[in-house]
Amino acid sequence: MVADMVDDSGSWDWNRISQRLLQDMLEKIDVVKPSQYGLGTDNPSWQWEENRSFSTQSTYKALDDTMNLDINPYWKKI
């Protein structure tokens, strides 16, 4: 478990992690701060939905807004 790779101070336990992973993976993990128990439950949420739940509809809307598909009228037909 990820929680097993965190030391008592809340930092990554590099001694344990480095024994199990290659350097390129260690570098990716290094930029991620481990979660902390005192901050509450870690729940995934979807930023493009008001209730924070994932939906396919909100995904397409987010893509449409991001890509500005309304500039080209052919995208509207698709």
N, C-alpha and C. Protein backbone atom coordinates (compact mmCIF):
# COMPACT_ATOMS: atom_id res chain seq x y z
N MET A 1 0.83 -1.19 0.00
CA MET A 1 0.00 0.00 0.00
C MET A 1 0.88 1.25 0.00
N VAL A 2 0.34 2.31 -0.55
CA VAL A 2 1.08 3.58 -0.58
C VAL A 2 1.38 4.04 0.84
N ALA A 3 0.43 3.86 1.76
CA ALA A 3 0.64 4.30 3.14
C ALA A 3 1.85 3.62 3.77
N ASP A 4 2.20 2.44 3.31
CA ASP A 4 3.37 1.73 3.84
C ASP A 4 4.68 2.37 3.40
N MET A 5 4.62 3.23 2.42
CA MET A 5 5.82 3.87 1.88
C MET A 5 6.03 5.28 2.44
N VAL A 6 5.29 5.62 3.49
CA VAL A 6 5.40 6.93 4.13
C VAL A 6 5.94 6.71 5.54
N ASP A 7 6.90 7.55 5.93
CA ASP A 7 7.48 7.39 7.27
C ASP A 7 6.63 8.12 8.33
N ASP A 8 7.07 8.06 9.57
CA ASP A 8 6.30 8.64 10.68
C ASP A 8 6.15 10.15 10.59
N SER A 9 7.04 10.81 9.88
CA SER A 9 6.94 12.27 9.75
C SER A 9 6.02 12.69 8.61
N GLY A 10 5.50 11.72 7.84
CA GLY A 10 4.61 12.03 6.72
C GLY A 10 5.32 12.22 5.40
N SER A 11 6.62 11.92 5.35
CA SER A 11 7.40 12.03 4.12
C SER A 11 7.56 10.65 3.50
N TRP A 12 7.94 10.62 2.24
CA TRP A 12 8.20 9.34 1.58
C TRP A 12 9.33 8.61 2.30
N ASP A 13 9.19 7.33 2.48
CA ASP A 13 10.23 6.49 3.08
C ASP A 13 11.12 6.00 1.93
N TRP A 14 12.10 6.82 1.57
CA TRP A 14 12.93 6.54 0.40
C TRP A 14 13.72 5.24 0.55
N ASN A 15 14.07 4.86 1.75
CA ASN A 15 14.78 3.58 1.93
C ASN A 15 13.93 2.41 1.45
N ARG A 16 12.66 2.42 1.77
CA ARG A 16 11.77 1.34 1.34
C ARG A 16 11.42 1.45 -0.14
N ILE A 17 11.13 2.65 -0.59
CA ILE A 17 10.70 2.85 -1.98
C ILE A 17 11.83 2.53 -2.95
N SER A 18 13.03 2.99 -2.66
CA SER A 18 14.14 2.83 -3.61
C SER A 18 14.54 1.36 -3.81
N GLN A 19 14.17 0.51 -2.89
CA GLN A 19 14.47 -0.92 -3.04
C GLN A 19 13.54 -1.60 -4.04
N ARG A 20 12.43 -0.96 -4.37
CA ARG A 20 11.40 -1.59 -5.18
C ARG A 20 11.20 -0.99 -6.57
N LEU A 21 11.71 0.22 -6.80
CA LEU A 21 11.42 0.91 -8.05
C LEU A 21 12.69 1.41 -8.74
N LEU A 22 12.58 1.61 -10.04
CA LEU A 22 13.68 2.16 -10.83
C LEU A 22 13.76 3.67 -10.66
N GLN A 23 14.90 4.25 -11.00
CA GLN A 23 15.17 5.67 -10.80
C GLN A 23 14.13 6.56 -11.48
N ASP A 24 13.72 6.25 -12.70
CA ASP A 24 12.76 7.13 -13.39
C ASP A 24 11.42 7.17 -12.66
N MET A 25 11.02 6.07 -12.04
CA MET A 25 9.79 6.06 -11.25
C MET A 25 9.97 6.84 -9.94
N LEU A 26 11.14 6.73 -9.34
CA LEU A 26 11.43 7.47 -8.11
C LEU A 26 11.34 8.98 -8.35
N GLU A 27 11.82 9.42 -9.49
CA GLU A 27 11.77 10.84 -9.83
C GLU A 27 10.33 11.33 -9.98
N LYS A 28 9.47 10.48 -10.53
CA LYS A 28 8.06 10.85 -10.68
C LYS A 28 7.37 10.90 -9.32
N ILE A 29 7.70 9.98 -8.45
CA ILE A 29 7.10 9.96 -7.11
C ILE A 29 7.57 11.16 -6.30
N ASP A 30 8.79 11.57 -6.51
CA ASP A 30 9.39 12.66 -5.73
C ASP A 30 8.60 13.96 -5.86
N VAL A 31 7.93 14.18 -6.97
CA VAL A 31 7.19 15.43 -7.16
C VAL A 31 5.78 15.37 -6.57
N VAL A 32 5.37 14.19 -6.07
CA VAL A 32 4.04 14.02 -5.49
C VAL A 32 4.17 13.99 -3.97
N LYS A 33 3.43 14.84 -3.30
CA LYS A 33 3.44 14.85 -1.84
C LYS A 33 2.54 13.73 -1.34
N PRO A 34 3.03 12.92 -0.40
CA PRO A 34 2.17 11.86 0.13
C PRO A 34 0.99 12.43 0.91
N SER A 35 -0.13 11.72 0.87
CA SER A 35 -1.30 12.20 1.61
C SER A 35 -1.04 12.08 3.11
N GLN A 36 -1.74 12.87 3.86
CA GLN A 36 -1.55 12.89 5.31
C GLN A 36 -2.86 12.53 5.99
N TYR A 37 -2.78 11.68 7.00
CA TYR A 37 -3.97 11.19 7.68
C TYR A 37 -4.79 12.30 8.31
N GLY A 38 -4.17 13.33 8.84
CA GLY A 38 -4.89 14.38 9.53
C GLY A 38 -5.70 15.29 8.63
N LEU A 39 -5.55 15.16 7.32
CA LEU A 39 -6.24 16.04 6.39
C LEU A 39 -7.60 15.52 5.96
N GLY A 40 -7.99 14.35 6.45
CA GLY A 40 -9.29 13.79 6.09
C GLY A 40 -9.17 12.75 4.99
N THR A 41 -10.31 12.29 4.53
CA THR A 41 -10.37 11.24 3.52
C THR A 41 -9.94 11.77 2.16
N ASP A 42 -9.18 10.97 1.45
CA ASP A 42 -8.75 11.31 0.11
C ASP A 42 -9.73 10.70 -0.88
N ASN A 43 -10.60 11.53 -1.45
CA ASN A 43 -11.61 11.05 -2.38
C ASN A 43 -11.39 11.67 -3.76
N PRO A 44 -11.47 10.85 -4.80
CA PRO A 44 -11.35 11.42 -6.14
C PRO A 44 -12.58 12.28 -6.46
N SER A 45 -12.36 13.33 -7.20
CA SER A 45 -13.49 14.16 -7.63
C SER A 45 -13.21 14.72 -9.02
N TRP A 46 -14.27 15.08 -9.69
CA TRP A 46 -14.21 15.54 -11.08
C TRP A 46 -14.51 17.03 -11.09
N GLN A 47 -13.52 17.84 -11.46
CA GLN A 47 -13.65 19.29 -11.34
C GLN A 47 -14.67 19.91 -12.28
N TRP A 48 -15.08 19.19 -13.32
CA TRP A 48 -15.98 19.78 -14.30
C TRP A 48 -17.45 19.47 -14.02
N GLU A 49 -17.74 18.91 -12.86
CA GLU A 49 -19.13 18.61 -12.50
C GLU A 49 -19.41 19.24 -11.15
N GLU A 50 -20.54 19.91 -11.01
CA GLU A 50 -20.85 20.62 -9.77
C GLU A 50 -20.86 19.69 -8.56
N ASN A 51 -21.39 18.47 -8.74
CA ASN A 51 -21.42 17.53 -7.62
C ASN A 51 -20.13 16.71 -7.51
N ARG A 52 -19.13 17.03 -8.34
CA ARG A 52 -17.80 16.41 -8.32
C ARG A 52 -17.78 14.96 -8.80
N SER A 53 -18.89 14.47 -9.36
CA SER A 53 -18.95 13.10 -9.88
C SER A 53 -18.64 13.11 -11.36
N PHE A 54 -17.96 12.08 -11.82
CA PHE A 54 -17.59 11.97 -13.24
C PHE A 54 -18.82 11.66 -14.08
N SER A 55 -18.88 12.27 -15.25
CA SER A 55 -19.89 11.91 -16.24
C SER A 55 -19.30 12.10 -17.63
N THR A 56 -19.74 11.28 -18.55
CA THR A 56 -19.27 11.40 -19.93
C THR A 56 -19.71 12.74 -20.52
N GLN A 57 -20.90 13.17 -20.18
CA GLN A 57 -21.41 14.44 -20.68
C GLN A 57 -20.51 15.61 -20.27
N SER A 58 -20.09 15.62 -19.00
CA SER A 58 -19.23 16.72 -18.55
C SER A 58 -17.85 16.65 -19.20
N THR A 59 -17.41 15.44 -19.54
CA THR A 59 -16.13 15.28 -20.23
C THR A 59 -16.19 15.93 -21.60
N TYR A 60 -17.24 15.63 -22.35
CA TYR A 60 -17.38 16.23 -23.68
C TYR A 60 -17.54 17.75 -23.59
N LYS A 61 -18.25 18.22 -22.59
CA LYS A 61 -18.39 19.66 -22.43
C LYS A 61 -17.05 20.30 -22.11
N ALA A 62 -16.26 19.67 -21.24
CA ALA A 62 -14.94 20.20 -20.90
C ALA A 62 -14.04 20.22 -22.13
N LEU A 63 -14.11 19.16 -22.93
CA LEU A 63 -13.30 19.12 -24.15
C LEU A 63 -13.76 20.20 -25.13
N ASP A 64 -15.03 20.37 -25.26
CA ASP A 64 -15.57 21.39 -26.17
C ASP A 64 -15.11 22.77 -25.73
N ASP A 65 -15.18 23.06 -24.44
CA ASP A 65 -14.75 24.36 -23.93
C ASP A 65 -13.25 24.55 -24.11
N THR A 66 -12.49 23.51 -23.85
CA THR A 66 -11.03 23.58 -23.94
C THR A 66 -10.55 23.74 -25.37
N MET A 67 -11.18 23.00 -26.27
CA MET A 67 -10.71 22.96 -27.66
C MET A 67 -11.38 24.04 -28.53
N ASN A 68 -12.35 24.74 -27.97
CA ASN A 68 -13.07 25.77 -28.73
C ASN A 68 -13.60 25.22 -30.05
N LEU A 69 -14.27 24.10 -29.96
CA LEU A 69 -14.77 23.44 -31.16
C LEU A 69 -15.84 24.25 -31.87
N ASP A 70 -16.46 25.19 -31.19
CA ASP A 70 -17.52 25.97 -31.83
C ASP A 70 -16.97 26.95 -32.86
N ILE A 71 -15.66 27.09 -32.94
CA ILE A 71 -15.07 27.97 -33.96
C ILE A 71 -15.30 27.38 -35.35
N ASN A 72 -15.20 26.09 -35.47
CA ASN A 72 -15.37 25.43 -36.75
C ASN A 72 -16.77 24.81 -36.80
N PRO A 73 -17.62 25.23 -37.72
CA PRO A 73 -19.00 24.72 -37.76
C PRO A 73 -19.09 23.22 -38.06
N TYR A 74 -18.07 22.63 -38.66
CA TYR A 74 -18.10 21.20 -38.94
C TYR A 74 -18.08 20.38 -37.67
N TRP A 75 -17.44 20.88 -36.61
CA TRP A 75 -17.42 20.17 -35.33
C TRP A 75 -18.81 20.09 -34.73
N LYS A 76 -19.63 21.10 -34.95
CA LYS A 76 -20.99 21.10 -34.44
C LYS A 76 -21.80 19.96 -35.07
N LYS A 77 -21.56 19.70 -36.35
CA LYS A 77 -22.29 18.62 -37.04
C LYS A 77 -21.85 17.25 -36.52
N ILE A 78 -20.59 17.12 -36.17
CA ILE A 78 -20.08 15.84 -35.65
C ILE A 78 -20.67 15.59 -34.30
